[in-house]
């Protein structure tokens, strides 16, 4: 669930980029996955600029999901909602293959630490 003190920030086309959060005497940012990135505190305009520059492109990246058994599985983000994140298994690029029916895995929002971009 999204905390009440998170202030939504959207692109001009209405797509949500993330949130701005009060931090001390300024503000920090939270990305679309719900991950807090406190850069400051910074002023309001710098927080907006940070979210605008980050954009949403990172949502199309491949991620690694660490499973409870310790194995890692390549995934892509399939759906993003205020209370849930659905990732799609992406072994061998299967997530984008026509006709593929890859496994879908539901995760809580904000995204858990077990979901990371590969280094």
PDB file of N, CA and C in Angstrom:
ATOM      1  N   UNK A   1       0.832  -1.177   0.000  1.00  0.00           N
ATOM      2  CA  UNK A   1       0.000   0.000   0.000  1.00  0.00           C
ATOM      3  C   UNK A   1       0.885   1.252   0.000  1.00  0.00           C
ATOM      4  N   UNK A   2       0.452   2.241  -0.686  1.00  0.00           N
ATOM      5  CA  UNK A   2       1.230   3.476  -0.807  1.00  0.00           C
ATOM      6  C   UNK A   2       0.983   4.364   0.418  1.00  0.00           C
ATOM      7  N   UNK A   3       2.052   4.749   1.118  1.00  0.00           N
ATOM      8  CA  UNK A   3       1.885   5.622   2.287  1.00  0.00           C
ATOM      9  C   UNK A   3       1.264   6.970   1.909  1.00  0.00           C
ATOM     10  N   UNK A   4       0.500   7.521   2.818  1.00  0.00           N
ATOM     11  CA  UNK A   4      -0.197   8.780   2.563  1.00  0.00           C
ATOM     12  C   UNK A   4       0.749   9.944   2.313  1.00  0.00           C
ATOM     13  N   UNK A   5       1.962   9.901   2.883  1.00  0.00           N
ATOM     14  CA  UNK A   5       2.874  11.040   2.743  1.00  0.00           C
ATOM     15  C   UNK A   5       3.640  11.031   1.415  1.00  0.00           C
ATOM     16  N   UNK A   6       3.482   9.988   0.596  1.00  0.00           N
ATOM     17  CA  UNK A   6       4.105   9.961  -0.728  1.00  0.00           C
ATOM     18  C   UNK A   6       3.266  10.824  -1.668  1.00  0.00           C
ATOM     19  N   UNK A   7       3.891  11.763  -2.338  1.00  0.00           N
ATOM     20  CA  UNK A   7       3.203  12.683  -3.247  1.00  0.00           C
ATOM     21  C   UNK A   7       3.499  12.248  -4.679  1.00  0.00           C
ATOM     22  N   UNK A   8       2.452  11.872  -5.381  1.00  0.00           N
ATOM     23  CA  UNK A   8       2.589  11.324  -6.728  1.00  0.00           C
ATOM     24  C   UNK A   8       3.168  12.354  -7.700  1.00  0.00           C
ATOM     25  N   UNK A   9       4.038  11.877  -8.601  1.00  0.00           N
ATOM     26  CA  UNK A   9       4.593  12.728  -9.657  1.00  0.00           C
ATOM     27  C   UNK A   9       4.372  12.027 -10.990  1.00  0.00           C
ATOM     28  N   UNK A  10       3.766  12.734 -11.935  1.00  0.00           N
ATOM     29  CA  UNK A  10       3.431  12.152 -13.235  1.00  0.00           C
ATOM     30  C   UNK A  10       4.072  12.933 -14.378  1.00  0.00           C
ATOM     31  N   UNK A  11       4.234  12.232 -15.507  1.00  0.00           N
ATOM     32  CA  UNK A  11       4.675  12.883 -16.738  1.00  0.00           C
ATOM     33  C   UNK A  11       3.509  13.699 -17.287  1.00  0.00           C
ATOM     34  N   UNK A  12       3.786  14.582 -18.257  1.00  0.00           N
ATOM     35  CA  UNK A  12       2.688  15.344 -18.865  1.00  0.00           C
ATOM     36  C   UNK A  12       1.606  14.455 -19.490  1.00  0.00           C
ATOM     37  N   UNK A  13       1.970  13.234 -19.927  1.00  0.00           N
ATOM     38  CA  UNK A  13       0.961  12.345 -20.523  1.00  0.00           C
ATOM     39  C   UNK A  13       0.163  11.581 -19.466  1.00  0.00           C
ATOM     40  N   UNK A  14       0.431  11.837 -18.195  1.00  0.00           N
ATOM     41  CA  UNK A  14      -0.327  11.226 -17.113  1.00  0.00           C
ATOM     42  C   UNK A  14       0.285   9.972 -16.524  1.00  0.00           C
ATOM     43  N   UNK A  15       1.355   9.460 -17.121  1.00  0.00           N
ATOM     44  CA  UNK A  15       1.998   8.242 -16.614  1.00  0.00           C
ATOM     45  C   UNK A  15       2.747   8.556 -15.320  1.00  0.00           C
ATOM     46  N   UNK A  16       2.519   7.744 -14.291  1.00  0.00           N
ATOM     47  CA  UNK A  16       3.168   7.985 -13.000  1.00  0.00           C
ATOM     48  C   UNK A  16       4.636   7.581 -13.061  1.00  0.00           C
ATOM     49  N   UNK A  17       5.510   8.508 -12.671  1.00  0.00           N
ATOM     50  CA  UNK A  17       6.951   8.258 -12.633  1.00  0.00           C
ATOM     51  C   UNK A  17       7.412   7.802 -11.257  1.00  0.00           C
ATOM     52  N   UNK A  18       6.686   8.176 -10.242  1.00  0.00           N
ATOM     53  CA  UNK A  18       7.080   7.851  -8.884  1.00  0.00           C
ATOM     54  C   UNK A  18       6.441   8.819  -7.917  1.00  0.00           C
ATOM     55  N   UNK A  19       7.110   9.009  -6.798  1.00  0.00           N
ATOM     56  CA  UNK A  19       6.585   9.858  -5.746  1.00  0.00           C
ATOM     57  C   UNK A  19       7.699  10.730  -5.181  1.00  0.00           C
ATOM     58  N   UNK A  20       7.280  11.838  -4.604  1.00  0.00           N
ATOM     59  CA  UNK A  20       8.181  12.722  -3.874  1.00  0.00           C
ATOM     60  C   UNK A  20       7.789  12.604  -2.401  1.00  0.00           C
ATOM     61  N   UNK A  21       8.802  12.461  -1.539  1.00  0.00           N
ATOM     62  CA  UNK A  21       8.538  12.262  -0.109  1.00  0.00           C
ATOM     63  C   UNK A  21       9.276  13.310   0.716  1.00  0.00           C
ATOM     64  N   UNK A  22       8.634  13.806   1.772  1.00  0.00           N
ATOM     65  CA  UNK A  22       9.315  14.740   2.663  1.00  0.00           C
ATOM     66  C   UNK A  22      10.476  14.047   3.378  1.00  0.00           C
ATOM     67  N   UNK A  23      11.631  14.719   3.385  1.00  0.00           N
ATOM     68  CA  UNK A  23      12.820  14.206   4.070  1.00  0.00           C
ATOM     69  C   UNK A  23      13.478  15.390   4.768  1.00  0.00           C
ATOM     70  N   UNK A  24      13.412  15.425   6.071  1.00  0.00           N
ATOM     71  CA  UNK A  24      14.013  16.536   6.802  1.00  0.00           C
ATOM     72  C   UNK A  24      13.447  17.861   6.333  1.00  0.00           C
ATOM     73  N   UNK A  25      14.343  18.758   5.905  1.00  0.00           N
ATOM     74  CA  UNK A  25      13.924  20.075   5.430  1.00  0.00           C
ATOM     75  C   UNK A  25      13.682  20.106   3.932  1.00  0.00           C
ATOM     76  N   UNK A  26      13.715  18.966   3.266  1.00  0.00           N
ATOM     77  CA  UNK A  26      13.538  18.932   1.820  1.00  0.00           C
ATOM     78  C   UNK A  26      12.736  17.715   1.400  1.00  0.00           C
ATOM     79  N   UNK A  27      13.183  17.117   0.281  1.00  0.00           N
ATOM     80  CA  UNK A  27      12.432  16.014  -0.310  1.00  0.00           C
ATOM     81  C   UNK A  27      13.363  14.946  -0.854  1.00  0.00           C
ATOM     82  N   UNK A  28      12.837  13.727  -0.937  1.00  0.00           N
ATOM     83  CA  UNK A  28      13.505  12.608  -1.586  1.00  0.00           C
ATOM     84  C   UNK A  28      12.562  12.045  -2.631  1.00  0.00           C
ATOM     85  N   UNK A  29      12.986  11.006  -3.331  1.00  0.00           N
ATOM     86  CA  UNK A  29      12.144  10.423  -4.369  1.00  0.00           C
ATOM     87  C   UNK A  29      11.942   8.928  -4.125  1.00  0.00           C
ATOM     88  N   UNK A  30      10.855   8.423  -4.678  1.00  0.00           N
ATOM     89  CA  UNK A  30      10.530   7.006  -4.662  1.00  0.00           C
ATOM     90  C   UNK A  30      10.214   6.637  -6.102  1.00  0.00           C
ATOM     91  N   UNK A  31      10.892   5.611  -6.641  1.00  0.00           N
ATOM     92  CA  UNK A  31      10.651   5.248  -8.040  1.00  0.00           C
ATOM     93  C   UNK A  31       9.335   4.490  -8.200  1.00  0.00           C
ATOM     94  N   UNK A  32       8.983   4.149  -9.424  1.00  0.00           N
ATOM     95  CA  UNK A  32       7.709   3.489  -9.720  1.00  0.00           C
ATOM     96  C   UNK A  32       7.595   2.110  -9.083  1.00  0.00           C
ATOM     97  N   UNK A  33       8.731   1.509  -8.713  1.00  0.00           N
ATOM     98  CA  UNK A  33       8.723   0.209  -8.036  1.00  0.00           C
ATOM     99  C   UNK A  33       8.556   0.356  -6.526  1.00  0.00           C
ATOM    100  N   UNK A  34       8.491   1.614  -6.067  1.00  0.00           N
ATOM    101  CA  UNK A  34       8.332   1.857  -4.640  1.00  0.00           C
ATOM    102  C   UNK A  34       9.629   1.868  -3.869  1.00  0.00           C
ATOM    103  N   UNK A  35      10.728   1.991  -4.584  1.00  0.00           N
ATOM    104  CA  UNK A  35      12.039   1.989  -3.928  1.00  0.00           C
ATOM    105  C   UNK A  35      12.471   3.418  -3.622  1.00  0.00           C
ATOM    106  N   UNK A  36      12.785   3.642  -2.366  1.00  0.00           N
ATOM    107  CA  UNK A  36      13.152   4.981  -1.911  1.00  0.00           C
ATOM    108  C   UNK A  36      14.577   5.290  -2.332  1.00  0.00           C
ATOM    109  N   UNK A  37      14.748   6.463  -2.925  1.00  0.00           N
ATOM    110  CA  UNK A  37      16.060   6.933  -3.353  1.00  0.00           C
ATOM    111  C   UNK A  37      16.227   8.336  -2.787  1.00  0.00           C
ATOM    112  N   UNK A  38      16.642   8.402  -1.557  1.00  0.00           N
ATOM    113  CA  UNK A  38      16.774   9.702  -0.903  1.00  0.00           C
ATOM    114  C   UNK A  38      18.110  10.298  -1.308  1.00  0.00           C
ATOM    115  N   UNK A  39      18.035  11.369  -2.056  1.00  0.00           N
ATOM    116  CA  UNK A  39      19.235  12.001  -2.605  1.00  0.00           C
ATOM    117  C   UNK A  39      19.646  13.213  -1.810  1.00  0.00           C
ATOM    118  N   UNK A  40      19.071  13.444  -0.730  1.00  0.00           N
ATOM    119  CA  UNK A  40      19.305  14.749  -0.175  1.00  0.00           C
ATOM    120  C   UNK A  40      19.220  14.821   1.317  1.00  0.00           C
ATOM    121  N   UNK A  41      18.422  15.683   1.739  1.00  0.00           N
ATOM    122  CA  UNK A  41      17.252  16.210   1.064  1.00  0.00           C
ATOM    123  C   UNK A  41      17.595  17.218  -0.034  1.00  0.00           C
ATOM    124  N   UNK A  42      16.714  17.258  -1.026  1.00  0.00           N
ATOM    125  CA  UNK A  42      16.841  18.214  -2.126  1.00  0.00           C
ATOM    126  C   UNK A  42      15.580  19.065  -2.142  1.00  0.00           C
ATOM    127  N   UNK A  43      15.589  20.137  -2.944  1.00  0.00           N
ATOM    128  CA  UNK A  43      14.367  20.934  -3.024  1.00  0.00           C
ATOM    129  C   UNK A  43      13.358  20.233  -3.943  1.00  0.00           C
ATOM    130  N   UNK A  44      12.138  20.722  -3.921  1.00  0.00           N
ATOM    131  CA  UNK A  44      11.037  20.101  -4.672  1.00  0.00           C
ATOM    132  C   UNK A  44      11.372  19.968  -6.157  1.00  0.00           C
ATOM    133  N   UNK A  45      11.907  21.017  -6.748  1.00  0.00           N
ATOM    134  CA  UNK A  45      12.182  21.001  -8.188  1.00  0.00           C
ATOM    135  C   UNK A  45      13.263  19.989  -8.547  1.00  0.00           C
ATOM    136  N   UNK A  46      14.270  19.843  -7.696  1.00  0.00           N
ATOM    137  CA  UNK A  46      15.303  18.830  -7.948  1.00  0.00           C
ATOM    138  C   UNK A  46      14.730  17.420  -7.825  1.00  0.00           C
ATOM    139  N   UNK A  47      13.805  17.221  -6.898  1.00  0.00           N
ATOM    140  CA  UNK A  47      13.150  15.909  -6.768  1.00  0.00           C
ATOM    141  C   UNK A  47      12.338  15.608  -8.025  1.00  0.00           C
ATOM    142  N   UNK A  48      11.590  16.598  -8.519  1.00  0.00           N
ATOM    143  CA  UNK A  48      10.832  16.404  -9.766  1.00  0.00           C
ATOM    144  C   UNK A  48      11.772  16.098 -10.925  1.00  0.00           C
ATOM    145  N   UNK A  49      12.847  16.853 -11.020  1.00  0.00           N
ATOM    146  CA  UNK A  49      13.814  16.661 -12.106  1.00  0.00           C
ATOM    147  C   UNK A  49      14.416  15.255 -12.049  1.00  0.00           C
ATOM    148  N   UNK A  50      14.724  14.788 -10.854  1.00  0.00           N
ATOM    149  CA  UNK A  50      15.294  13.454 -10.695  1.00  0.00           C
ATOM    150  C   UNK A  50      14.343  12.380 -11.227  1.00  0.00           C
ATOM    151  N   UNK A  51      13.065  12.470 -10.876  1.00  0.00           N
ATOM    152  CA  UNK A  51      12.087  11.498 -11.374  1.00  0.00           C
ATOM    153  C   UNK A  51      11.900  11.623 -12.884  1.00  0.00           C
ATOM    154  N   UNK A  52      11.857  12.858 -13.385  1.00  0.00           N
ATOM    155  CA  UNK A  52      11.704  13.065 -14.834  1.00  0.00           C
ATOM    156  C   UNK A  52      12.875  12.465 -15.601  1.00  0.00           C
ATOM    157  N   UNK A  53      14.096  12.676 -15.097  1.00  0.00           N
ATOM    158  CA  UNK A  53      15.285  12.159 -15.783  1.00  0.00           C
ATOM    159  C   UNK A  53      15.368  10.642 -15.706  1.00  0.00           C
ATOM    160  N   UNK A  54      14.961  10.062 -14.587  1.00  0.00           N
ATOM    161  CA  UNK A  54      14.967   8.600 -14.446  1.00  0.00           C
ATOM    162  C   UNK A  54      13.961   7.983 -15.403  1.00  0.00           C
ATOM    163  N   UNK A  55      12.806   8.618 -15.563  1.00  0.00           N
ATOM    164  CA  UNK A  55      11.792   8.122 -16.482  1.00  0.00           C
ATOM    165  C   UNK A  55      11.253   6.764 -16.072  1.00  0.00           C
ATOM    166  N   UNK A  56      10.849   5.982 -17.082  1.00  0.00           N
ATOM    167  CA  UNK A  56      10.283   4.654 -16.841  1.00  0.00           C
ATOM    168  C   UNK A  56      11.010   3.551 -17.590  1.00  0.00           C
ATOM    169  N   UNK A  57      12.037   3.901 -18.344  1.00  0.00           N
ATOM    170  CA  UNK A  57      12.749   2.920 -19.161  1.00  0.00           C
ATOM    171  C   UNK A  57      13.278   1.736 -18.377  1.00  0.00           C
ATOM    172  N   UNK A  58      13.667   1.962 -17.127  1.00  0.00           N
ATOM    173  CA  UNK A  58      14.219   0.876 -16.313  1.00  0.00           C
ATOM    174  C   UNK A  58      13.193  -0.228 -16.061  1.00  0.00           C
ATOM    175  N   UNK A  59      11.905   0.069 -16.220  1.00  0.00           N
ATOM    176  CA  UNK A  59      10.880  -0.956 -16.021  1.00  0.00           C
ATOM    177  C   UNK A  59      10.923  -2.024 -17.111  1.00  0.00           C
ATOM    178  N   UNK A  60      11.503  -1.702 -18.264  1.00  0.00           N
ATOM    179  CA  UNK A  60      11.605  -2.671 -19.366  1.00  0.00           C
ATOM    180  C   UNK A  60      12.855  -3.536 -19.259  1.00  0.00           C
ATOM    181  N   UNK A  61      13.729  -3.223 -18.312  1.00  0.00           N
ATOM    182  CA  UNK A  61      14.970  -3.981 -18.156  1.00  0.00           C
ATOM    183  C   UNK A  61      14.706  -5.387 -17.628  1.00  0.00           C
ATOM    184  N   UNK A  62      15.695  -6.207 -17.789  1.00  0.00           N
ATOM    185  CA  UNK A  62      15.656  -7.551 -17.220  1.00  0.00           C
ATOM    186  C   UNK A  62      16.102  -7.456 -15.760  1.00  0.00           C
ATOM    187  N   UNK A  63      15.456  -8.212 -14.903  1.00  0.00           N
ATOM    188  CA  UNK A  63      15.763  -8.254 -13.474  1.00  0.00           C
ATOM    189  C   UNK A  63      16.078  -9.689 -13.078  1.00  0.00           C
ATOM    190  N   UNK A  64      16.665  -9.841 -11.913  1.00  0.00           N
ATOM    191  CA  UNK A  64      16.887 -11.165 -11.338  1.00  0.00           C
ATOM    192  C   UNK A  64      16.051 -11.253 -10.063  1.00  0.00           C
ATOM    193  N   UNK A  65      15.313 -12.343  -9.950  1.00  0.00           N
ATOM    194  CA  UNK A  65      14.504 -12.588  -8.767  1.00  0.00           C
ATOM    195  C   UNK A  65      15.149 -13.709  -7.972  1.00  0.00           C
ATOM    196  N   UNK A  66      15.592 -13.375  -6.766  1.00  0.00           N
ATOM    197  CA  UNK A  66      16.161 -14.381  -5.877  1.00  0.00           C
ATOM    198  C   UNK A  66      15.009 -15.129  -5.219  1.00  0.00           C
ATOM    199  N   UNK A  67      14.942 -16.417  -5.467  1.00  0.00           N
ATOM    200  CA  UNK A  67      13.859 -17.241  -4.942  1.00  0.00           C
ATOM    201  C   UNK A  67      14.182 -17.704  -3.524  1.00  0.00           C
ATOM    202  N   UNK A  68      13.171 -18.150  -2.761  1.00  0.00           N
ATOM    203  CA  UNK A  68      13.408 -18.584  -1.378  1.00  0.00           C
ATOM    204  C   UNK A  68      14.486 -19.665  -1.253  1.00  0.00           C
ATOM    205  N   UNK A  69      14.636 -20.503  -2.271  1.00  0.00           N
ATOM    206  CA  UNK A  69      15.654 -21.567  -2.227  1.00  0.00           C
ATOM    207  C   UNK A  69      17.059 -21.023  -2.473  1.00  0.00           C
ATOM    208  N   UNK A  70      17.157 -19.730  -2.851  1.00  0.00           N
ATOM    209  CA  UNK A  70      18.452 -19.112  -3.104  1.00  0.00           C
ATOM    210  C   UNK A  70      18.806 -18.996  -4.573  1.00  0.00           C
ATOM    211  N   UNK A  71      18.113 -19.713  -5.439  1.00  0.00           N
ATOM    212  CA  UNK A  71      18.360 -19.614  -6.882  1.00  0.00           C
ATOM    213  C   UNK A  71      17.870 -18.275  -7.403  1.00  0.00           C
ATOM    214  N   UNK A  72      18.499 -17.805  -8.466  1.00  0.00           N
ATOM    215  CA  UNK A  72      18.054 -16.581  -9.115  1.00  0.00           C
ATOM    216  C   UNK A  72      17.398 -16.926 -10.436  1.00  0.00           C
ATOM    217  N   UNK A  73      16.356 -16.174 -10.756  1.00  0.00           N
ATOM    218  CA  UNK A  73      15.609 -16.419 -11.981  1.00  0.00           C
ATOM    219  C   UNK A  73      15.477 -15.105 -12.739  1.00  0.00           C
ATOM    220  N   UNK A  74      15.797 -15.094 -14.046  1.00  0.00           N
ATOM    221  CA  UNK A  74      15.623 -13.871 -14.821  1.00  0.00           C
ATOM    222  C   UNK A  74      14.135 -13.595 -15.045  1.00  0.00           C
ATOM    223  N   UNK A  75      13.752 -12.343 -14.835  1.00  0.00           N
ATOM    224  CA  UNK A  75      12.353 -11.944 -14.995  1.00  0.00           C
ATOM    225  C   UNK A  75      12.283 -10.557 -15.624  1.00  0.00           C
ATOM    226  N   UNK A  76      11.107 -10.235 -16.106  1.00  0.00           N
ATOM    227  CA  UNK A  76      10.788  -8.881 -16.559  1.00  0.00           C
ATOM    228  C   UNK A  76       9.512  -8.453 -15.852  1.00  0.00           C
ATOM    229  N   UNK A  77       9.341  -7.155 -15.719  1.00  0.00           N
ATOM    230  CA  UNK A  77       8.148  -6.646 -15.059  1.00  0.00           C
ATOM    231  C   UNK A  77       6.985  -6.742 -16.040  1.00  0.00           C
ATOM    232  N   UNK A  78       5.916  -7.391 -15.604  1.00  0.00           N
ATOM    233  CA  UNK A  78       4.737  -7.560 -16.446  1.00  0.00           C
ATOM    234  C   UNK A  78       3.631  -6.588 -16.097  1.00  0.00           C
ATOM    235  N   UNK A  79       3.408  -6.379 -14.815  1.00  0.00           N
ATOM    236  CA  UNK A  79       2.354  -5.480 -14.341  1.00  0.00           C
ATOM    237  C   UNK A  79       2.845  -4.766 -13.090  1.00  0.00           C
ATOM    238  N   UNK A  80       2.354  -3.550 -12.919  1.00  0.00           N
ATOM    239  CA  UNK A  80       2.734  -2.752 -11.758  1.00  0.00           C
ATOM    240  C   UNK A  80       1.489  -2.045 -11.250  1.00  0.00           C
ATOM    241  N   UNK A  81       1.097  -2.378 -10.026  1.00  0.00           N
ATOM    242  CA  UNK A  81      -0.073  -1.756  -9.411  1.00  0.00           C
ATOM    243  C   UNK A  81       0.318  -1.207  -8.045  1.00  0.00           C
ATOM    244  N   UNK A  82      -0.604  -0.488  -7.434  1.00  0.00           N
ATOM    245  CA  UNK A  82      -0.332   0.122  -6.131  1.00  0.00           C
ATOM    246  C   UNK A  82      -0.111  -0.896  -5.022  1.00  0.00           C
ATOM    247  N   UNK A  83      -0.573  -2.120  -5.198  1.00  0.00           N
ATOM    248  CA  UNK A  83      -0.455  -3.120  -4.139  1.00  0.00           C
ATOM    249  C   UNK A  83       0.262  -4.388  -4.584  1.00  0.00           C
ATOM    250  N   UNK A  84       0.657  -4.452  -5.853  1.00  0.00           N
ATOM    251  CA  UNK A  84       1.237  -5.687  -6.371  1.00  0.00           C
ATOM    252  C   UNK A  84       2.115  -5.407  -7.586  1.00  0.00           C
ATOM    253  N   UNK A  85       3.113  -6.242  -7.715  1.00  0.00           N
ATOM    254  CA  UNK A  85       4.026  -6.213  -8.851  1.00  0.00           C
ATOM    255  C   UNK A  85       4.025  -7.632  -9.411  1.00  0.00           C
ATOM    256  N   UNK A  86       3.780  -7.775 -10.702  1.00  0.00           N
ATOM    257  CA  UNK A  86       3.795  -9.097 -11.321  1.00  0.00           C
ATOM    258  C   UNK A  86       4.991  -9.153 -12.258  1.00  0.00           C
ATOM    259  N   UNK A  87       5.865 -10.133 -12.026  1.00  0.00           N
ATOM    260  CA  UNK A  87       7.005 -10.327 -12.915  1.00  0.00           C
ATOM    261  C   UNK A  87       6.761 -11.579 -13.745  1.00  0.00           C
ATOM    262  N   UNK A  88       7.391 -11.596 -14.914  1.00  0.00           N
ATOM    263  CA  UNK A  88       7.224 -12.689 -15.863  1.00  0.00           C
ATOM    264  C   UNK A  88       8.576 -13.358 -16.054  1.00  0.00           C
ATOM    265  N   UNK A  89       8.606 -14.683 -15.937  1.00  0.00           N
ATOM    266  CA  UNK A  89       9.855 -15.428 -16.133  1.00  0.00           C
ATOM    267  C   UNK A  89      10.421 -15.121 -17.511  1.00  0.00           C
ATOM    268  N   UNK A  90      11.728 -14.933 -17.590  1.00  0.00           N
ATOM    269  CA  UNK A  90      12.359 -14.529 -18.849  1.00  0.00           C
ATOM    270  C   UNK A  90      13.578 -15.380 -19.177  1.00  0.00           C
ATOM    271  N   UNK A  91      13.497 -16.672 -18.922  1.00  0.00           N
ATOM    272  CA  UNK A  91      14.587 -17.542 -19.335  1.00  0.00           C
ATOM    273  C   UNK A  91      14.661 -17.531 -20.861  1.00  0.00           C
ATOM    274  N   UNK A  92      15.838 -17.304 -21.390  1.00  0.00           N
ATOM    275  CA  UNK A  92      16.079 -17.322 -22.838  1.00  0.00           C
ATOM    276  C   UNK A  92      15.209 -16.322 -23.596  1.00  0.00           C
ATOM    277  N   UNK A  93      14.812 -15.229 -22.958  1.00  0.00           N
ATOM    278  CA  UNK A  93      14.006 -14.208 -23.616  1.00  0.00           C
ATOM    279  C   UNK A  93      12.560 -14.610 -23.829  1.00  0.00           C
ATOM    280  N   UNK A  94      12.086 -15.607 -23.102  1.00  0.00           N
ATOM    281  CA  UNK A  94      10.740 -16.137 -23.305  1.00  0.00           C
ATOM    282  C   UNK A  94       9.635 -15.135 -22.996  1.00  0.00           C
ATOM    283  N   UNK A  95       9.905 -14.136 -22.169  1.00  0.00           N
ATOM    284  CA  UNK A  95       8.856 -13.193 -21.787  1.00  0.00           C
ATOM    285  C   UNK A  95       8.307 -12.444 -22.986  1.00  0.00           C
ATOM    286  N   UNK A  96       9.130 -12.225 -23.999  1.00  0.00           N
ATOM    287  CA  UNK A  96       8.674 -11.465 -25.157  1.00  0.00           C
ATOM    288  C   UNK A  96       8.425 -12.327 -26.389  1.00  0.00           C
ATOM    289  N   UNK A  97       8.565 -13.629 -26.282  1.00  0.00           N
ATOM    290  CA  UNK A  97       8.360 -14.510 -27.433  1.00  0.00           C
ATOM    291  C   UNK A  97       6.873 -14.636 -27.743  1.00  0.00           C
ATOM    292  N   UNK A  98       6.533 -14.504 -29.014  1.00  0.00           N
ATOM    293  CA  UNK A  98       5.144 -14.623 -29.449  1.00  0.00           C
ATOM    294  C   UNK A  98       4.644 -16.027 -29.129  1.00  0.00           C
ATOM    295  N   UNK A  99       3.489 -16.097 -28.502  1.00  0.00           N
ATOM    296  CA  UNK A  99       2.890 -17.381 -28.169  1.00  0.00           C
ATOM    297  C   UNK A  99       3.413 -18.012 -26.894  1.00  0.00           C
ATOM    298  N   UNK A 100       4.419 -17.414 -26.295  1.00  0.00           N
ATOM    299  CA  UNK A 100       4.963 -17.969 -25.046  1.00  0.00           C
ATOM    300  C   UNK A 100       3.971 -17.727 -23.915  1.00  0.00           C
ATOM    301  N   UNK A 101       3.967 -18.587 -22.982  1.00  0.00           N
ATOM    302  CA  UNK A 101       3.129 -18.437 -21.800  1.00  0.00           C
ATOM    303  C   UNK A 101       4.017 -18.587 -20.561  1.00  0.00           C
ATOM    304  N   UNK A 102       4.913 -17.604 -20.348  1.00  0.00           N
ATOM    305  CA  UNK A 102       5.875 -17.732 -19.248  1.00  0.00           C
ATOM    306  C   UNK A 102       5.194 -17.648 -17.882  1.00  0.00           C
ATOM    307  N   UNK A 103       5.847 -18.214 -16.890  1.00  0.00           N
ATOM    308  CA  UNK A 103       5.333 -18.171 -15.518  1.00  0.00           C
ATOM    309  C   UNK A 103       5.225 -16.724 -15.049  1.00  0.00           C
ATOM    310  N   UNK A 104       4.151 -16.441 -14.326  1.00  0.00           N
ATOM    311  CA  UNK A 104       3.921 -15.120 -13.755  1.00  0.00           C
ATOM    312  C   UNK A 104       4.039 -15.251 -12.240  1.00  0.00           C
ATOM    313  N   UNK A 105       4.766 -14.330 -11.641  1.00  0.00           N
ATOM    314  CA  UNK A 105       5.032 -14.394 -10.208  1.00  0.00           C
ATOM    315  C   UNK A 105       4.577 -13.083  -9.580  1.00  0.00           C
ATOM    316  N   UNK A 106       3.704 -13.176  -8.605  1.00  0.00           N
ATOM    317  CA  UNK A 106       3.184 -12.003  -7.916  1.00  0.00           C
ATOM    318  C   UNK A 106       4.104 -11.639  -6.754  1.00  0.00           C
ATOM    319  N   UNK A 107       4.458 -10.359  -6.679  1.00  0.00           N
ATOM    320  CA  UNK A 107       5.306  -9.841  -5.602  1.00  0.00           C
ATOM    321  C   UNK A 107       4.584  -8.677  -4.932  1.00  0.00           C
ATOM    322  N   UNK A 108       4.906  -8.400  -3.684  1.00  0.00           N
ATOM    323  CA  UNK A 108       4.277  -7.261  -3.019  1.00  0.00           C
ATOM    324  C   UNK A 108       4.842  -5.943  -3.540  1.00  0.00           C
ATOM    325  N   UNK A 109       4.072  -4.879  -3.366  1.00  0.00           N
ATOM    326  CA  UNK A 109       4.537  -3.532  -3.647  1.00  0.00           C
ATOM    327  C   UNK A 109       4.714  -2.852  -2.298  1.00  0.00           C
ATOM    328  N   UNK A 110       5.805  -2.157  -2.081  1.00  0.00           N
ATOM    329  CA  UNK A 110       6.956  -1.902  -2.942  1.00  0.00           C
ATOM    330  C   UNK A 110       7.724  -3.187  -3.262  1.00  0.00           C
ATOM    331  N   UNK A 111       8.476  -3.110  -4.357  1.00  0.00           N
ATOM    332  CA  UNK A 111       9.250  -4.265  -4.807  1.00  0.00           C
ATOM    333  C   UNK A 111      10.184  -4.740  -3.699  1.00  0.00           C
ATOM    334  N   UNK A 112      10.238  -6.046  -3.474  1.00  0.00           N
ATOM    335  CA  UNK A 112      11.120  -6.578  -2.430  1.00  0.00           C
ATOM    336  C   UNK A 112      12.589  -6.531  -2.846  1.00  0.00           C
ATOM    337  N   UNK A 113      13.473  -6.650  -1.878  1.00  0.00           N
ATOM    338  CA  UNK A 113      14.912  -6.663  -2.146  1.00  0.00           C
ATOM    339  C   UNK A 113      15.335  -7.869  -2.976  1.00  0.00           C
ATOM    340  N   UNK A 114      14.504  -8.898  -3.013  1.00  0.00           N
ATOM    341  CA  UNK A 114      14.834 -10.098  -3.798  1.00  0.00           C
ATOM    342  C   UNK A 114      14.752  -9.841  -5.301  1.00  0.00           C
ATOM    343  N   UNK A 115      14.217  -8.687  -5.711  1.00  0.00           N
ATOM    344  CA  UNK A 115      14.148  -8.309  -7.125  1.00  0.00           C
ATOM    345  C   UNK A 115      15.205  -7.244  -7.395  1.00  0.00           C
ATOM    346  N   UNK A 116      16.204  -7.593  -8.183  1.00  0.00           N
ATOM    347  CA  UNK A 116      17.321  -6.676  -8.454  1.00  0.00           C
ATOM    348  C   UNK A 116      17.669  -6.663  -9.932  1.00  0.00           C
ATOM    349  N   UNK A 117      18.162  -5.516 -10.399  1.00  0.00           N
ATOM    350  CA  UNK A 117      18.719  -5.454 -11.752  1.00  0.00           C
ATOM    351  C   UNK A 117      20.086  -6.112 -11.715  1.00  0.00           C
ATOM    352  N   UNK A 118      20.400  -6.938 -12.724  1.00  0.00           N
ATOM    353  CA  UNK A 118      21.728  -7.567 -12.729  1.00  0.00           C
ATOM    354  C   UNK A 118      22.827  -6.517 -12.847  1.00  0.00           C
ATOM    355  N   UNK A 119      23.952  -6.822 -12.246  1.00  0.00           N
ATOM    356  CA  UNK A 119      25.075  -5.863 -12.281  1.00  0.00           C
ATOM    357  C   UNK A 119      25.960  -6.094 -13.464  1.00  0.00           C
TER     358      UNK A 119
END
